[in-house]
Amino acid sequence: MKKLSFVLAAAGLISLAACNKPADTANSANAADNAAVALDNAADSLNAVSENVAVSANETAVAADNAAHAANSASNAANAM
């Protein structure tokens, strides 16, 4: 009976050890997947920021052009008086 319980205990420990190894591998795979998703999100954020900067730069150029036209119009109006 002692030998049987020893064999059963050993089998249980071996099964437990076998179950833990894939979990570590699964955790590593999950960590790698999470890192990949985080990098993908960071790339998307940087892309959005660069697009916003480009739009802001264009809007600033348009505003400067409008200010120049307004100054020119004001100068023309002053000269016409």
PDB file of N, CA and C in Angstrom:
ATOM      1  N   MET A   1       0.826  -1.189   0.000  1.00  0.00           N
ATOM      2  CA  MET A   1       0.000   0.000   0.000  1.00  0.00           C
ATOM      3  C   MET A   1       0.872   1.255   0.000  1.00  0.00           C
ATOM      4  N   LYS A   2       1.994   1.194   0.731  1.00  0.00           N
ATOM      5  CA  LYS A   2       2.880   2.353   0.768  1.00  0.00           C
ATOM      6  C   LYS A   2       3.485   2.600  -0.609  1.00  0.00           C
ATOM      7  N   LYS A   3       3.819   1.526  -1.310  1.00  0.00           N
ATOM      8  CA  LYS A   3       4.398   1.697  -2.639  1.00  0.00           C
ATOM      9  C   LYS A   3       3.383   2.292  -3.602  1.00  0.00           C
ATOM     10  N   LEU A   4       2.144   1.858  -3.494  1.00  0.00           N
ATOM     11  CA  LEU A   4       1.099   2.384  -4.363  1.00  0.00           C
ATOM     12  C   LEU A   4       0.865   3.877  -4.107  1.00  0.00           C
ATOM     13  N   SER A   5       0.817   4.284  -2.842  1.00  0.00           N
ATOM     14  CA  SER A   5       0.618   5.698  -2.543  1.00  0.00           C
ATOM     15  C   SER A   5       1.820   6.527  -2.994  1.00  0.00           C
ATOM     16  N   PHE A   6       3.029   5.935  -2.890  1.00  0.00           N
ATOM     17  CA  PHE A   6       4.215   6.631  -3.360  1.00  0.00           C
ATOM     18  C   PHE A   6       4.160   6.821  -4.877  1.00  0.00           C
ATOM     19  N   VAL A   7       3.748   5.778  -5.587  1.00  0.00           N
ATOM     20  CA  VAL A   7       3.635   5.856  -7.048  1.00  0.00           C
ATOM     21  C   VAL A   7       2.571   6.873  -7.440  1.00  0.00           C
ATOM     22  N   LEU A   8       1.453   6.885  -6.759  1.00  0.00           N
ATOM     23  CA  LEU A   8       0.389   7.853  -7.058  1.00  0.00           C
ATOM     24  C   LEU A   8       0.846   9.288  -6.764  1.00  0.00           C
ATOM     25  N   ALA A   9       1.563   9.468  -5.656  1.00  0.00           N
ATOM     26  CA  ALA A   9       2.065  10.795  -5.327  1.00  0.00           C
ATOM     27  C   ALA A   9       3.075  11.262  -6.373  1.00  0.00           C
ATOM     28  N   ALA A  10       3.947  10.360  -6.801  1.00  0.00           N
ATOM     29  CA  ALA A  10       4.927  10.710  -7.829  1.00  0.00           C
ATOM     30  C   ALA A  10       4.229  11.048  -9.140  1.00  0.00           C
ATOM     31  N   ALA A  11       3.228  10.266  -9.500  1.00  0.00           N
ATOM     32  CA  ALA A  11       2.488  10.536 -10.728  1.00  0.00           C
ATOM     33  C   ALA A  11       1.793  11.897 -10.658  1.00  0.00           C
ATOM     34  N   GLY A  12       1.260  12.215  -9.501  1.00  0.00           N
ATOM     35  CA  GLY A  12       0.610  13.507  -9.318  1.00  0.00           C
ATOM     36  C   GLY A  12       1.602  14.654  -9.447  1.00  0.00           C
ATOM     37  N   LEU A  13       2.775  14.491  -8.860  1.00  0.00           N
ATOM     38  CA  LEU A  13       3.796  15.542  -8.964  1.00  0.00           C
ATOM     39  C   LEU A  13       4.296  15.698 -10.393  1.00  0.00           C
ATOM     40  N   ILE A  14       4.454  14.587 -11.080  1.00  0.00           N
ATOM     41  CA  ILE A  14       4.888  14.656 -12.481  1.00  0.00           C
ATOM     42  C   ILE A  14       3.821  15.351 -13.329  1.00  0.00           C
ATOM     43  N   SER A  15       2.580  15.046 -13.077  1.00  0.00           N
ATOM     44  CA  SER A  15       1.491  15.696 -13.810  1.00  0.00           C
ATOM     45  C   SER A  15       1.459  17.189 -13.518  1.00  0.00           C
ATOM     46  N   LEU A  16       1.663  17.539 -12.247  1.00  0.00           N
ATOM     47  CA  LEU A  16       1.673  18.936 -11.867  1.00  0.00           C
ATOM     48  C   LEU A  16       2.841  19.670 -12.532  1.00  0.00           C
ATOM     49  N   ALA A  17       3.987  19.047 -12.566  1.00  0.00           N
ATOM     50  CA  ALA A  17       5.151  19.652 -13.214  1.00  0.00           C
ATOM     51  C   ALA A  17       4.911  19.816 -14.709  1.00  0.00           C
ATOM     52  N   ALA A  18       4.287  18.834 -15.324  1.00  0.00           N
ATOM     53  CA  ALA A  18       4.006  18.911 -16.757  1.00  0.00           C
ATOM     54  C   ALA A  18       2.997  20.020 -17.054  1.00  0.00           C
ATOM     55  N   CYS A  19       2.055  20.229 -16.159  1.00  0.00           N
ATOM     56  CA  CYS A  19       1.061  21.284 -16.373  1.00  0.00           C
ATOM     57  C   CYS A  19       1.668  22.670 -16.216  1.00  0.00           C
ATOM     58  N   ASN A  20       2.637  22.824 -15.366  1.00  0.00           N
ATOM     59  CA  ASN A  20       3.224  24.140 -15.129  1.00  0.00           C
ATOM     60  C   ASN A  20       4.105  24.603 -16.280  1.00  0.00           C
ATOM     61  N   LYS A  21       4.757  23.712 -16.982  1.00  0.00           N
ATOM     62  CA  LYS A  21       5.652  24.127 -18.058  1.00  0.00           C
ATOM     63  C   LYS A  21       4.902  24.823 -19.193  1.00  0.00           C
ATOM     64  N   PRO A  22       3.801  24.291 -19.697  1.00  0.00           N
ATOM     65  CA  PRO A  22       3.092  25.028 -20.744  1.00  0.00           C
ATOM     66  C   PRO A  22       2.541  26.375 -20.249  1.00  0.00           C
ATOM     67  N   ALA A  23       2.222  26.446 -18.965  1.00  0.00           N
ATOM     68  CA  ALA A  23       1.722  27.709 -18.443  1.00  0.00           C
ATOM     69  C   ALA A  23       2.808  28.770 -18.527  1.00  0.00           C
ATOM     70  N   ASP A  24       4.049  28.421 -18.215  1.00  0.00           N
ATOM     71  CA  ASP A  24       5.141  29.367 -18.335  1.00  0.00           C
ATOM     72  C   ASP A  24       5.326  29.778 -19.796  1.00  0.00           C
ATOM     73  N   THR A  25       5.241  28.799 -20.676  1.00  0.00           N
ATOM     74  CA  THR A  25       5.357  29.096 -22.098  1.00  0.00           C
ATOM     75  C   THR A  25       4.196  29.974 -22.549  1.00  0.00           C
ATOM     76  N   ALA A  26       3.016  29.660 -22.038  1.00  0.00           N
ATOM     77  CA  ALA A  26       1.847  30.467 -22.392  1.00  0.00           C
ATOM     78  C   ALA A  26       1.992  31.884 -21.849  1.00  0.00           C
ATOM     79  N   ASN A  27       2.524  32.014 -20.634  1.00  0.00           N
ATOM     80  CA  ASN A  27       2.729  33.351 -20.073  1.00  0.00           C
ATOM     81  C   ASN A  27       3.741  34.131 -20.894  1.00  0.00           C
ATOM     82  N   SER A  28       4.792  33.458 -21.328  1.00  0.00           N
ATOM     83  CA  SER A  28       5.790  34.129 -22.163  1.00  0.00           C
ATOM     84  C   SER A  28       5.179  34.552 -23.496  1.00  0.00           C
ATOM     85  N   ALA A  29       4.365  33.688 -24.061  1.00  0.00           N
ATOM     86  CA  ALA A  29       3.705  34.024 -25.325  1.00  0.00           C
ATOM     87  C   ALA A  29       2.745  35.185 -25.137  1.00  0.00           C
ATOM     88  N   ASN A  30       2.012  35.175 -24.022  1.00  0.00           N
ATOM     89  CA  ASN A  30       1.097  36.289 -23.745  1.00  0.00           C
ATOM     90  C   ASN A  30       1.866  37.588 -23.547  1.00  0.00           C
ATOM     91  N   ALA A  31       2.991  37.516 -22.848  1.00  0.00           N
ATOM     92  CA  ALA A  31       3.799  38.715 -22.638  1.00  0.00           C
ATOM     93  C   ALA A  31       4.327  39.242 -23.972  1.00  0.00           C
ATOM     94  N   ALA A  32       4.751  38.341 -24.838  1.00  0.00           N
ATOM     95  CA  ALA A  32       5.239  38.752 -26.150  1.00  0.00           C
ATOM     96  C   ALA A  32       4.109  39.366 -26.978  1.00  0.00           C
ATOM     97  N   ASP A  33       2.940  38.762 -26.923  1.00  0.00           N
ATOM     98  CA  ASP A  33       1.786  39.314 -27.642  1.00  0.00           C
ATOM     99  C   ASP A  33       1.423  40.694 -27.107  1.00  0.00           C
ATOM    100  N   ASN A  34       1.445  40.834 -25.776  1.00  0.00           N
ATOM    101  CA  ASN A  34       1.118  42.131 -25.170  1.00  0.00           C
ATOM    102  C   ASN A  34       2.144  43.189 -25.568  1.00  0.00           C
ATOM    103  N   ALA A  35       3.413  42.796 -25.605  1.00  0.00           N
ATOM    104  CA  ALA A  35       4.450  43.747 -26.017  1.00  0.00           C
ATOM    105  C   ALA A  35       4.251  44.156 -27.472  1.00  0.00           C
ATOM    106  N   ALA A  36       3.894  43.202 -28.308  1.00  0.00           N
ATOM    107  CA  ALA A  36       3.659  43.518 -29.724  1.00  0.00           C
ATOM    108  C   ALA A  36       2.474  44.463 -29.882  1.00  0.00           C
ATOM    109  N   VAL A  37       1.426  44.232 -29.130  1.00  0.00           N
ATOM    110  CA  VAL A  37       0.254  45.107 -29.190  1.00  0.00           C
ATOM    111  C   VAL A  37       0.616  46.504 -28.687  1.00  0.00           C
ATOM    112  N   ALA A  38       1.414  46.567 -27.618  1.00  0.00           N
ATOM    113  CA  ALA A  38       1.821  47.872 -27.087  1.00  0.00           C
ATOM    114  C   ALA A  38       2.661  48.641 -28.107  1.00  0.00           C
ATOM    115  N   LEU A  39       3.564  47.940 -28.783  1.00  0.00           N
ATOM    116  CA  LEU A  39       4.375  48.593 -29.816  1.00  0.00           C
ATOM    117  C   LEU A  39       3.513  49.054 -30.980  1.00  0.00           C
ATOM    118  N   ASP A  40       2.545  48.243 -31.341  1.00  0.00           N
ATOM    119  CA  ASP A  40       1.627  48.607 -32.429  1.00  0.00           C
ATOM    120  C   ASP A  40       0.822  49.852 -32.047  1.00  0.00           C
ATOM    121  N   ASN A  41       0.354  49.883 -30.800  1.00  0.00           N
ATOM    122  CA  ASN A  41      -0.397  51.056 -30.325  1.00  0.00           C
ATOM    123  C   ASN A  41       0.484  52.297 -30.290  1.00  0.00           C
ATOM    124  N   ALA A  42       1.734  52.128 -29.877  1.00  0.00           N
ATOM    125  CA  ALA A  42       2.655  53.264 -29.853  1.00  0.00           C
ATOM    126  C   ALA A  42       2.902  53.788 -31.265  1.00  0.00           C
ATOM    127  N   ALA A  43       3.041  52.873 -32.213  1.00  0.00           N
ATOM    128  CA  ALA A  43       3.236  53.292 -33.607  1.00  0.00           C
ATOM    129  C   ALA A  43       2.014  54.036 -34.124  1.00  0.00           C
ATOM    130  N   ASP A  44       0.830  53.553 -33.785  1.00  0.00           N
ATOM    131  CA  ASP A  44      -0.398  54.241 -34.194  1.00  0.00           C
ATOM    132  C   ASP A  44      -0.477  55.641 -33.577  1.00  0.00           C
ATOM    133  N   SER A  45      -0.087  55.750 -32.308  1.00  0.00           N
ATOM    134  CA  SER A  45      -0.116  57.047 -31.640  1.00  0.00           C
ATOM    135  C   SER A  45       0.871  58.016 -32.279  1.00  0.00           C
ATOM    136  N   LEU A  46       2.071  57.542 -32.572  1.00  0.00           N
ATOM    137  CA  LEU A  46       3.056  58.400 -33.225  1.00  0.00           C
ATOM    138  C   LEU A  46       2.590  58.831 -34.606  1.00  0.00           C
ATOM    139  N   ASN A  47       1.944  57.929 -35.317  1.00  0.00           N
ATOM    140  CA  ASN A  47       1.406  58.270 -36.633  1.00  0.00           C
ATOM    141  C   ASN A  47       0.332  59.347 -36.511  1.00  0.00           C
ATOM    142  N   ALA A  48      -0.539  59.211 -35.521  1.00  0.00           N
ATOM    143  CA  ALA A  48      -1.592  60.206 -35.311  1.00  0.00           C
ATOM    144  C   ALA A  48      -0.994  61.555 -34.933  1.00  0.00           C
ATOM    145  N   VAL A  49       0.033  61.537 -34.090  1.00  0.00           N
ATOM    146  CA  VAL A  49       0.684  62.793 -33.694  1.00  0.00           C
ATOM    147  C   VAL A  49       1.314  63.466 -34.904  1.00  0.00           C
ATOM    148  N   SER A  50       1.985  62.678 -35.735  1.00  0.00           N
ATOM    149  CA  SER A  50       2.630  63.276 -36.911  1.00  0.00           C
ATOM    150  C   SER A  50       1.592  63.855 -37.866  1.00  0.00           C
ATOM    151  N   GLU A  51       0.462  63.182 -38.011  1.00  0.00           N
ATOM    152  CA  GLU A  51      -0.603  63.725 -38.858  1.00  0.00           C
ATOM    153  C   GLU A  51      -1.157  65.017 -38.266  1.00  0.00           C
ATOM    154  N   ASN A  52      -1.319  65.047 -36.939  1.00  0.00           N
ATOM    155  CA  ASN A  52      -1.825  66.269 -36.296  1.00  0.00           C
ATOM    156  C   ASN A  52      -0.834  67.415 -36.444  1.00  0.00           C
ATOM    157  N   VAL A  53       0.455  67.125 -36.336  1.00  0.00           N
ATOM    158  CA  VAL A  53       1.472  68.169 -36.503  1.00  0.00           C
ATOM    159  C   VAL A  53       1.438  68.697 -37.932  1.00  0.00           C
ATOM    160  N   ALA A  54       1.298  67.797 -38.899  1.00  0.00           N
ATOM    161  CA  ALA A  54       1.249  68.231 -40.302  1.00  0.00           C
ATOM    162  C   ALA A  54       0.029  69.108 -40.552  1.00  0.00           C
ATOM    163  N   VAL A  55      -1.108  68.729 -40.004  1.00  0.00           N
ATOM    164  CA  VAL A  55      -2.330  69.526 -40.176  1.00  0.00           C
ATOM    165  C   VAL A  55      -2.169  70.883 -39.494  1.00  0.00           C
ATOM    166  N   SER A  56      -1.596  70.874 -38.287  1.00  0.00           N
ATOM    167  CA  SER A  56      -1.394  72.141 -37.569  1.00  0.00           C
ATOM    168  C   SER A  56      -0.435  73.055 -38.321  1.00  0.00           C
ATOM    169  N   ALA A  57       0.620  72.478 -38.872  1.00  0.00           N
ATOM    170  CA  ALA A  57       1.575  73.287 -39.642  1.00  0.00           C
ATOM    171  C   ALA A  57       0.903  73.893 -40.862  1.00  0.00           C
ATOM    172  N   ASN A  58       0.064  73.111 -41.529  1.00  0.00           N
ATOM    173  CA  ASN A  58      -0.652  73.627 -42.703  1.00  0.00           C
ATOM    174  C   ASN A  58      -1.612  74.741 -42.297  1.00  0.00           C
ATOM    175  N   GLU A  59      -2.329  74.538 -41.188  1.00  0.00           N
ATOM    176  CA  GLU A  59      -3.267  75.569 -40.731  1.00  0.00           C
ATOM    177  C   GLU A  59      -2.529  76.836 -40.315  1.00  0.00           C
ATOM    178  N   THR A  60      -1.346  76.680 -39.719  1.00  0.00           N
ATOM    179  CA  THR A  60      -0.545  77.846 -39.345  1.00  0.00           C
ATOM    180  C   THR A  60      -0.093  78.605 -40.586  1.00  0.00           C
ATOM    181  N   ALA A  61       0.300  77.884 -41.611  1.00  0.00           N
ATOM    182  CA  ALA A  61       0.719  78.534 -42.860  1.00  0.00           C
ATOM    183  C   ALA A  61      -0.444  79.272 -43.501  1.00  0.00           C
ATOM    184  N   VAL A  62      -1.623  78.673 -43.475  1.00  0.00           N
ATOM    185  CA  VAL A  62      -2.807  79.337 -44.037  1.00  0.00           C
ATOM    186  C   VAL A  62      -3.142  80.587 -43.231  1.00  0.00           C
ATOM    187  N   ALA A  63      -3.052  80.496 -41.904  1.00  0.00           N
ATOM    188  CA  ALA A  63      -3.339  81.666 -41.058  1.00  0.00           C
ATOM    189  C   ALA A  63      -2.330  82.772 -41.310  1.00  0.00           C
ATOM    190  N   ALA A  64      -1.059  82.426 -41.483  1.00  0.00           N
ATOM    191  CA  ALA A  64      -0.032  83.441 -41.781  1.00  0.00           C
ATOM    192  C   ALA A  64      -0.296  84.087 -43.128  1.00  0.00           C
ATOM    193  N   ASP A  65      -0.702  83.290 -44.098  1.00  0.00           N
ATOM    194  CA  ASP A  65      -1.023  83.830 -45.423  1.00  0.00           C
ATOM    195  C   ASP A  65      -2.222  84.769 -45.334  1.00  0.00           C
ATOM    196  N   ASN A  66      -3.230  84.377 -44.555  1.00  0.00           N
ATOM    197  CA  ASN A  66      -4.402  85.246 -44.374  1.00  0.00           C
ATOM    198  C   ASN A  66      -4.020  86.547 -43.684  1.00  0.00           C
ATOM    199  N   ALA A  67      -3.133  86.468 -42.688  1.00  0.00           N
ATOM    200  CA  ALA A  67      -2.688  87.682 -41.993  1.00  0.00           C
ATOM    201  C   ALA A  67      -1.927  88.601 -42.948  1.00  0.00           C
ATOM    202  N   ALA A  68      -1.114  88.007 -43.812  1.00  0.00           N
ATOM    203  CA  ALA A  68      -0.369  88.812 -44.787  1.00  0.00           C
ATOM    204  C   ALA A  68      -1.320  89.501 -45.755  1.00  0.00           C
ATOM    205  N   HIS A  69      -2.341  88.780 -46.204  1.00  0.00           N
ATOM    206  CA  HIS A  69      -3.337  89.385 -47.103  1.00  0.00           C
ATOM    207  C   HIS A  69      -4.094  90.509 -46.394  1.00  0.00           C
ATOM    208  N   ALA A  70      -4.434  90.291 -45.122  1.00  0.00           N
ATOM    209  CA  ALA A  70      -5.150  91.321 -44.377  1.00  0.00           C
ATOM    210  C   ALA A  70      -4.281  92.556 -44.198  1.00  0.00           C
ATOM    211  N   ALA A  71      -2.987  92.337 -43.904  1.00  0.00           N
ATOM    212  CA  ALA A  71      -2.071  93.475 -43.758  1.00  0.00           C
ATOM    213  C   ALA A  71      -1.921  94.218 -45.085  1.00  0.00           C
ATOM    214  N   ASN A  72      -1.863  93.470 -46.163  1.00  0.00           N
ATOM    215  CA  ASN A  72      -1.753  94.086 -47.490  1.00  0.00           C
ATOM    216  C   ASN A  72      -3.021  94.879 -47.820  1.00  0.00           C
ATOM    217  N   SER A  73      -4.146  94.308 -47.483  1.00  0.00           N
ATOM    218  CA  SER A  73      -5.423  95.008 -47.735  1.00  0.00           C
ATOM    219  C   SER A  73      -5.509  96.282 -46.904  1.00  0.00           C
ATOM    220  N   ALA A  74      -5.071  96.216 -45.653  1.00  0.00           N
ATOM    221  CA  ALA A  74      -5.095  97.395 -44.794  1.00  0.00           C
ATOM    222  C   ALA A  74      -4.146  98.462 -45.330  1.00  0.00           C
ATOM    223  N   SER A  75      -2.979  98.028 -45.816  1.00  0.00           N
ATOM    224  CA  SER A  75      -2.018  98.971 -46.394  1.00  0.00           C
ATOM    225  C   SER A  75      -2.585  99.624 -47.631  1.00  0.00           C
ATOM    226  N   ASN A  76      -3.223  98.822 -48.478  1.00  0.00           N
ATOM    227  CA  ASN A  76      -3.851  99.370 -49.692  1.00  0.00           C
ATOM    228  C   ASN A  76      -4.957 100.362 -49.359  1.00  0.00           C
ATOM    229  N   ALA A  77      -5.725 100.028 -48.331  1.00  0.00           N
ATOM    230  CA  ALA A  77      -6.813 100.932 -47.927  1.00  0.00           C
ATOM    231  C   ALA A  77      -6.253 102.228 -47.377  1.00  0.00           C
ATOM    232  N   ALA A  78      -5.175 102.145 -46.620  1.00  0.00           N
ATOM    233  CA  ALA A  78      -4.541 103.367 -46.075  1.00  0.00           C
ATOM    234  C   ALA A  78      -3.959 104.206 -47.182  1.00  0.00           C
ATOM    235  N   ASN A  79      -3.379 103.569 -48.190  1.00  0.00           N
ATOM    236  CA  ASN A  79      -2.803 104.298 -49.305  1.00  0.00           C
ATOM    237  C   ASN A  79      -3.877 104.941 -50.192  1.00  0.00           C
ATOM    238  N   ALA A  80      -5.049 104.356 -50.213  1.00  0.00           N
ATOM    239  CA  ALA A  80      -6.134 104.878 -51.049  1.00  0.00           C
ATOM    240  C   ALA A  80      -6.735 106.154 -50.455  1.00  0.00           C
ATOM    241  N   MET A  81      -6.533 106.373 -49.171  1.00  0.00           N
ATOM    242  CA  MET A  81      -7.137 107.559 -48.548  1.00  0.00           C
ATOM    243  C   MET A  81      -6.391 108.760 -48.905  1.00  0.00           C
TER     244      MET A  81
END
